[in-house]
Amino acid sequence: NISETVHTLFSKHAIPPLGFVSID
């Protein structure tokens, strides 16, 4: 559920800075 996974996105996954976002 995005309401949960969005909060741990950067702490749990080693991903670079956010550059582009698509929401659908």
PDB file of all heavy atoms in Angstrom:
ATOM      1  N   ASN A   1       0.850  -1.190   0.000  1.00  0.00           N
ATOM      2  CA  ASN A   1       0.000   0.000   0.000  1.00  0.00           C
ATOM      3  C   ASN A   1       0.887   1.243   0.000  1.00  0.00           C
ATOM      4  O   ASN A   1       1.759   1.400   0.859  1.00  0.00           O
ATOM      5  CB  ASN A   1      -0.900   0.001   1.237  1.00  0.00           C
ATOM      6  CG  ASN A   1      -2.055   0.981   1.074  1.00  0.00           C
ATOM      7  OD1 ASN A   1      -1.841   2.167   0.824  1.00  0.00           O
ATOM      8  ND2 ASN A   1      -3.275   0.485   1.206  1.00  0.00           N
ATOM      9  N   ILE A   2       0.677   2.125  -0.962  1.00  0.00           N
ATOM     10  CA  ILE A   2       1.518   3.308  -1.115  1.00  0.00           C
ATOM     11  C   ILE A   2       1.540   4.153   0.150  1.00  0.00           C
ATOM     12  O   ILE A   2       2.558   4.765   0.479  1.00  0.00           O
ATOM     13  CB  ILE A   2       1.037   4.145  -2.322  1.00  0.00           C
ATOM     14  CG1 ILE A   2       1.347   3.402  -3.621  1.00  0.00           C
ATOM     15  CG2 ILE A   2       1.703   5.517  -2.342  1.00  0.00           C
ATOM     16  CD1 ILE A   2       0.765   4.044  -4.860  1.00  0.00           C
ATOM     17  N   SER A   3       0.430   4.167   0.881  1.00  0.00           N
ATOM     18  CA  SER A   3       0.376   4.954   2.113  1.00  0.00           C
ATOM     19  C   SER A   3       1.404   4.480   3.135  1.00  0.00           C
ATOM     20  O   SER A   3       1.770   5.220   4.053  1.00  0.00           O
ATOM     21  CB  SER A   3      -1.031   4.892   2.722  1.00  0.00           C
ATOM     22  OG  SER A   3      -1.354   3.561   3.099  1.00  0.00           O
ATOM     23  N   GLU A   4       1.884   3.256   2.971  1.00  0.00           N
ATOM     24  CA  GLU A   4       2.888   2.704   3.874  1.00  0.00           C
ATOM     25  C   GLU A   4       4.283   2.702   3.237  1.00  0.00           C
ATOM     26  O   GLU A   4       5.269   3.100   3.861  1.00  0.00           O
ATOM     27  CB  GLU A   4       2.503   1.276   4.272  1.00  0.00           C
ATOM     28  CG  GLU A   4       1.161   1.188   5.005  1.00  0.00           C
ATOM     29  CD  GLU A   4       0.698  -0.244   5.192  1.00  0.00           C
ATOM     30  OE1 GLU A   4       1.415  -1.172   4.748  1.00  0.00           O
ATOM     31  OE2 GLU A   4      -0.380  -0.448   5.773  1.00  0.00           O
ATOM     32  N   THR A   5       4.374   2.249   1.997  1.00  0.00           N
ATOM     33  CA  THR A   5       5.689   2.107   1.352  1.00  0.00           C
ATOM     34  C   THR A   5       6.357   3.439   1.036  1.00  0.00           C
ATOM     35  O   THR A   5       7.585   3.507   0.964  1.00  0.00           O
ATOM     36  CB  THR A   5       5.562   1.286   0.057  1.00  0.00           C
ATOM     37  OG1 THR A   5       4.599   1.910  -0.808  1.00  0.00           O
ATOM     38  CG2 THR A   5       5.103  -0.139   0.357  1.00  0.00           C
ATOM     39  N   VAL A   6       5.571   4.492   0.850  1.00  0.00           N
ATOM     40  CA  VAL A   6       6.154   5.784   0.494  1.00  0.00           C
ATOM     41  C   VAL A   6       7.024   6.332   1.623  1.00  0.00           C
ATOM     42  O   VAL A   6       7.999   7.056   1.380  1.00  0.00           O
ATOM     43  CB  VAL A   6       5.049   6.805   0.120  1.00  0.00           C
ATOM     44  CG1 VAL A   6       4.243   7.223   1.359  1.00  0.00           C
ATOM     45  CG2 VAL A   6       5.634   8.036  -0.563  1.00  0.00           C
ATOM     46  N   HIS A   7       6.714   5.976   2.851  1.00  0.00           N
ATOM     47  CA  HIS A   7       7.448   6.523   3.993  1.00  0.00           C
ATOM     48  C   HIS A   7       8.806   5.861   4.201  1.00  0.00           C
ATOM     49  O   HIS A   7       9.671   6.423   4.864  1.00  0.00           O
ATOM     50  CB  HIS A   7       6.604   6.378   5.265  1.00  0.00           C
ATOM     51  CG  HIS A   7       5.338   7.160   5.229  1.00  0.00           C
ATOM     52  ND1 HIS A   7       5.318   8.543   5.208  1.00  0.00           N
ATOM     53  CD2 HIS A   7       4.038   6.761   5.188  1.00  0.00           C
ATOM     54  CE1 HIS A   7       4.064   8.959   5.164  1.00  0.00           C
ATOM     55  NE2 HIS A   7       3.271   7.905   5.141  1.00  0.00           N
ATOM     56  N   THR A   8       8.988   4.666   3.662  1.00  0.00           N
ATOM     57  CA  THR A   8      10.266   3.961   3.834  1.00  0.00           C
ATOM     58  C   THR A   8      11.047   3.864   2.518  1.00  0.00           C
ATOM     59  O   THR A   8      12.045   3.148   2.445  1.00  0.00           O
ATOM     60  CB  THR A   8      10.009   2.534   4.367  1.00  0.00           C
ATOM     61  OG1 THR A   8       9.165   1.819   3.450  1.00  0.00           O
ATOM     62  CG2 THR A   8       9.341   2.585   5.733  1.00  0.00           C
ATOM     63  N   LEU A   9      10.598   4.584   1.523  1.00  0.00           N
ATOM     64  CA  LEU A   9      11.199   4.480   0.192  1.00  0.00           C
ATOM     65  C   LEU A   9      12.693   4.755   0.217  1.00  0.00           C
ATOM     66  O   LEU A   9      13.495   3.961  -0.293  1.00  0.00           O
ATOM     67  CB  LEU A   9      10.497   5.446  -0.767  1.00  0.00           C
ATOM     68  CG  LEU A   9      11.075   5.528  -2.188  1.00  0.00           C
ATOM     69  CD1 LEU A   9      10.971   4.170  -2.875  1.00  0.00           C
ATOM     70  CD2 LEU A   9      10.341   6.591  -2.998  1.00  0.00           C
ATOM     71  N   PHE A  10      13.091   5.880   0.789  1.00  0.00           N
ATOM     72  CA  PHE A  10      14.502   6.270   0.755  1.00  0.00           C
ATOM     73  C   PHE A  10      15.327   5.612   1.857  1.00  0.00           C
ATOM     74  O   PHE A  10      16.529   5.391   1.684  1.00  0.00           O
ATOM     75  CB  PHE A  10      14.622   7.792   0.853  1.00  0.00           C
ATOM     76  CG  PHE A  10      14.080   8.505  -0.347  1.00  0.00           C
ATOM     77  CD1 PHE A  10      12.835   9.125  -0.310  1.00  0.00           C
ATOM     78  CD2 PHE A  10      14.796   8.546  -1.530  1.00  0.00           C
ATOM     79  CE1 PHE A  10      12.326   9.765  -1.425  1.00  0.00           C
ATOM     80  CE2 PHE A  10      14.303   9.185  -2.644  1.00  0.00           C
ATOM     81  CZ  PHE A  10      13.054   9.794  -2.600  1.00  0.00           C
ATOM     82  N   SER A  11      14.698   5.276   2.972  1.00  0.00           N
ATOM     83  CA  SER A  11      15.443   4.654   4.069  1.00  0.00           C
ATOM     84  C   SER A  11      15.656   3.159   3.837  1.00  0.00           C
ATOM     85  O   SER A  11      16.668   2.593   4.251  1.00  0.00           O
ATOM     86  CB  SER A  11      14.713   4.870   5.400  1.00  0.00           C
ATOM     87  OG  SER A  11      13.408   4.289   5.364  1.00  0.00           O
ATOM     88  N   LYS A  12      14.718   2.525   3.158  1.00  0.00           N
ATOM     89  CA  LYS A  12      14.783   1.079   2.953  1.00  0.00           C
ATOM     90  C   LYS A  12      15.475   0.687   1.653  1.00  0.00           C
ATOM     91  O   LYS A  12      16.025  -0.407   1.524  1.00  0.00           O
ATOM     92  CB  LYS A  12      13.360   0.506   2.972  1.00  0.00           C
ATOM     93  CG  LYS A  12      13.290  -1.005   3.038  1.00  0.00           C
ATOM     94  CD  LYS A  12      11.856  -1.477   3.207  1.00  0.00           C
ATOM     95  CE  LYS A  12      11.767  -2.993   3.289  1.00  0.00           C
ATOM     96  NZ  LYS A  12      10.362  -3.462   3.464  1.00  0.00           N
ATOM     97  N   HIS A  13      15.453   1.574   0.678  1.00  0.00           N
ATOM     98  CA  HIS A  13      16.025   1.258  -0.631  1.00  0.00           C
ATOM     99  C   HIS A  13      17.128   2.261  -0.980  1.00  0.00           C
ATOM    100  O   HIS A  13      16.963   3.467  -0.816  1.00  0.00           O
ATOM    101  CB  HIS A  13      14.937   1.295  -1.704  1.00  0.00           C
ATOM    102  CG  HIS A  13      13.776   0.398  -1.406  1.00  0.00           C
ATOM    103  ND1 HIS A  13      13.773  -0.951  -1.700  1.00  0.00           N
ATOM    104  CD2 HIS A  13      12.575   0.660  -0.817  1.00  0.00           C
ATOM    105  CE1 HIS A  13      12.634  -1.483  -1.312  1.00  0.00           C
ATOM    106  NE2 HIS A  13      11.888  -0.531  -0.779  1.00  0.00           N
ATOM    107  N   ALA A  14      18.228   1.753  -1.473  1.00  0.00           N
ATOM    108  CA  ALA A  14      19.368   2.606  -1.833  1.00  0.00           C
ATOM    109  C   ALA A  14      19.146   3.197  -3.221  1.00  0.00           C
ATOM    110  O   ALA A  14      19.662   2.694  -4.225  1.00  0.00           O
ATOM    111  CB  ALA A  14      20.657   1.798  -1.793  1.00  0.00           C
ATOM    112  N   ILE A  15      18.352   4.252  -3.269  1.00  0.00           N
ATOM    113  CA  ILE A  15      18.053   4.887  -4.553  1.00  0.00           C
ATOM    114  C   ILE A  15      18.560   6.323  -4.552  1.00  0.00           C
ATOM    115  O   ILE A  15      18.639   6.961  -3.502  1.00  0.00           O
ATOM    116  CB  ILE A  15      16.540   4.864  -4.867  1.00  0.00           C
ATOM    117  CG1 ILE A  15      15.738   5.536  -3.748  1.00  0.00           C
ATOM    118  CG2 ILE A  15      16.058   3.445  -5.090  1.00  0.00           C
ATOM    119  CD1 ILE A  15      14.263   5.635  -4.051  1.00  0.00           C
ATOM    120  N   PRO A  16      18.915   6.834  -5.725  1.00  0.00           N
ATOM    121  CA  PRO A  16      19.429   8.204  -5.833  1.00  0.00           C
ATOM    122  C   PRO A  16      18.316   9.239  -5.647  1.00  0.00           C
ATOM    123  O   PRO A  16      17.145   8.877  -5.506  1.00  0.00           O
ATOM    124  CB  PRO A  16      20.015   8.236  -7.248  1.00  0.00           C
ATOM    125  CG  PRO A  16      19.263   7.188  -8.001  1.00  0.00           C
ATOM    126  CD  PRO A  16      18.955   6.117  -7.004  1.00  0.00           C
ATOM    127  N   PRO A  17      18.651  10.521  -5.656  1.00  0.00           N
ATOM    128  CA  PRO A  17      17.657  11.578  -5.452  1.00  0.00           C
ATOM    129  C   PRO A  17      16.511  11.527  -6.465  1.00  0.00           C
ATOM    130  O   PRO A  17      16.685  11.107  -7.609  1.00  0.00           O
ATOM    131  CB  PRO A  17      18.475  12.864  -5.615  1.00  0.00           C
ATOM    132  CG  PRO A  17      19.870  12.462  -5.288  1.00  0.00           C
ATOM    133  CD  PRO A  17      20.012  11.063  -5.786  1.00  0.00           C
ATOM    134  N   LEU A  18      15.372  11.954  -6.024  1.00  0.00           N
ATOM    135  CA  LEU A  18      14.166  11.972  -6.849  1.00  0.00           C
ATOM    136  C   LEU A  18      14.294  12.997  -7.963  1.00  0.00           C
ATOM    137  O   LEU A  18      14.649  14.152  -7.724  1.00  0.00           O
ATOM    138  CB  LEU A  18      12.968  12.308  -5.956  1.00  0.00           C
ATOM    139  CG  LEU A  18      11.569  12.262  -6.565  1.00  0.00           C
ATOM    140  CD1 LEU A  18      11.277  10.874  -7.111  1.00  0.00           C
ATOM    141  CD2 LEU A  18      10.545  12.640  -5.496  1.00  0.00           C
ATOM    142  N   GLY A  19      14.008  12.553  -9.190  1.00  0.00           N
ATOM    143  CA  GLY A  19      14.121  13.464 -10.328  1.00  0.00           C
ATOM    144  C   GLY A  19      12.827  13.671 -11.085  1.00  0.00           C
ATOM    145  O   GLY A  19      12.566  14.742 -11.616  1.00  0.00           O
ATOM    146  N   PHE A  20      11.984  12.628 -11.139  1.00  0.00           N
ATOM    147  CA  PHE A  20      10.726  12.713 -11.889  1.00  0.00           C
ATOM    148  C   PHE A  20       9.698  11.819 -11.219  1.00  0.00           C
ATOM    149  O   PHE A  20      10.022  10.735 -10.739  1.00  0.00           O
ATOM    150  CB  PHE A  20      10.940  12.270 -13.341  1.00  0.00           C
ATOM    151  CG  PHE A  20       9.671  12.103 -14.136  1.00  0.00           C
ATOM    152  CD1 PHE A  20       8.807  13.170 -14.338  1.00  0.00           C
ATOM    153  CD2 PHE A  20       9.323  10.869 -14.685  1.00  0.00           C
ATOM    154  CE1 PHE A  20       7.626  13.019 -15.061  1.00  0.00           C
ATOM    155  CE2 PHE A  20       8.155  10.701 -15.412  1.00  0.00           C
ATOM    156  CZ  PHE A  20       7.308  11.788 -15.597  1.00  0.00           C
ATOM    157  N   VAL A  21       8.441  12.285 -11.191  1.00  0.00           N
ATOM    158  CA  VAL A  21       7.360  11.529 -10.556  1.00  0.00           C
ATOM    159  C   VAL A  21       6.133  11.487 -11.462  1.00  0.00           C
ATOM    160  O   VAL A  21       5.723  12.515 -12.014  1.00  0.00           O
ATOM    161  CB  VAL A  21       6.950  12.158  -9.206  1.00  0.00           C
ATOM    162  CG1 VAL A  21       5.721  11.450  -8.635  1.00  0.00           C
ATOM    163  CG2 VAL A  21       8.088  12.081  -8.206  1.00  0.00           C
ATOM    164  N   SER A  22       5.569  10.295 -11.616  1.00  0.00           N
ATOM    165  CA  SER A  22       4.305  10.119 -12.313  1.00  0.00           C
ATOM    166  C   SER A  22       3.312   9.511 -11.334  1.00  0.00           C
ATOM    167  O   SER A  22       3.632   8.555 -10.634  1.00  0.00           O
ATOM    168  CB  SER A  22       4.463   9.184 -13.520  1.00  0.00           C
ATOM    169  OG  SER A  22       3.191   8.801 -14.027  1.00  0.00           O
ATOM    170  N   ILE A  23       2.111  10.097 -11.278  1.00  0.00           N
ATOM    171  CA  ILE A  23       1.075   9.584 -10.380  1.00  0.00           C
ATOM    172  C   ILE A  23      -0.187   9.269 -11.183  1.00  0.00           C
ATOM    173  O   ILE A  23      -0.783  10.157 -11.787  1.00  0.00           O
ATOM    174  CB  ILE A  23       0.734  10.596  -9.265  1.00  0.00           C
ATOM    175  CG1 ILE A  23       1.986  10.941  -8.445  1.00  0.00           C
ATOM    176  CG2 ILE A  23      -0.354  10.034  -8.351  1.00  0.00           C
ATOM    177  CD1 ILE A  23       1.742  11.977  -7.364  1.00  0.00           C
ATOM    178  N   ASP A  24      -0.555   7.995 -11.186  1.00  0.00           N
ATOM    179  CA  ASP A  24      -1.786   7.553 -11.855  1.00  0.00           C
ATOM    180  C   ASP A  24      -2.368   6.420 -11.014  1.00  0.00           C
ATOM    181  O   ASP A  24      -2.247   5.249 -11.345  1.00  0.00           O
ATOM    182  CB  ASP A  24      -1.478   7.080 -13.275  1.00  0.00           C
ATOM    183  CG  ASP A  24      -2.743   6.671 -14.028  1.00  0.00           C
ATOM    184  OD1 ASP A  24      -3.847   6.858 -13.479  1.00  0.00           O
ATOM    185  OD2 ASP A  24      -2.618   6.151 -15.155  1.00  0.00           O
TER     186      ASP A  24
END
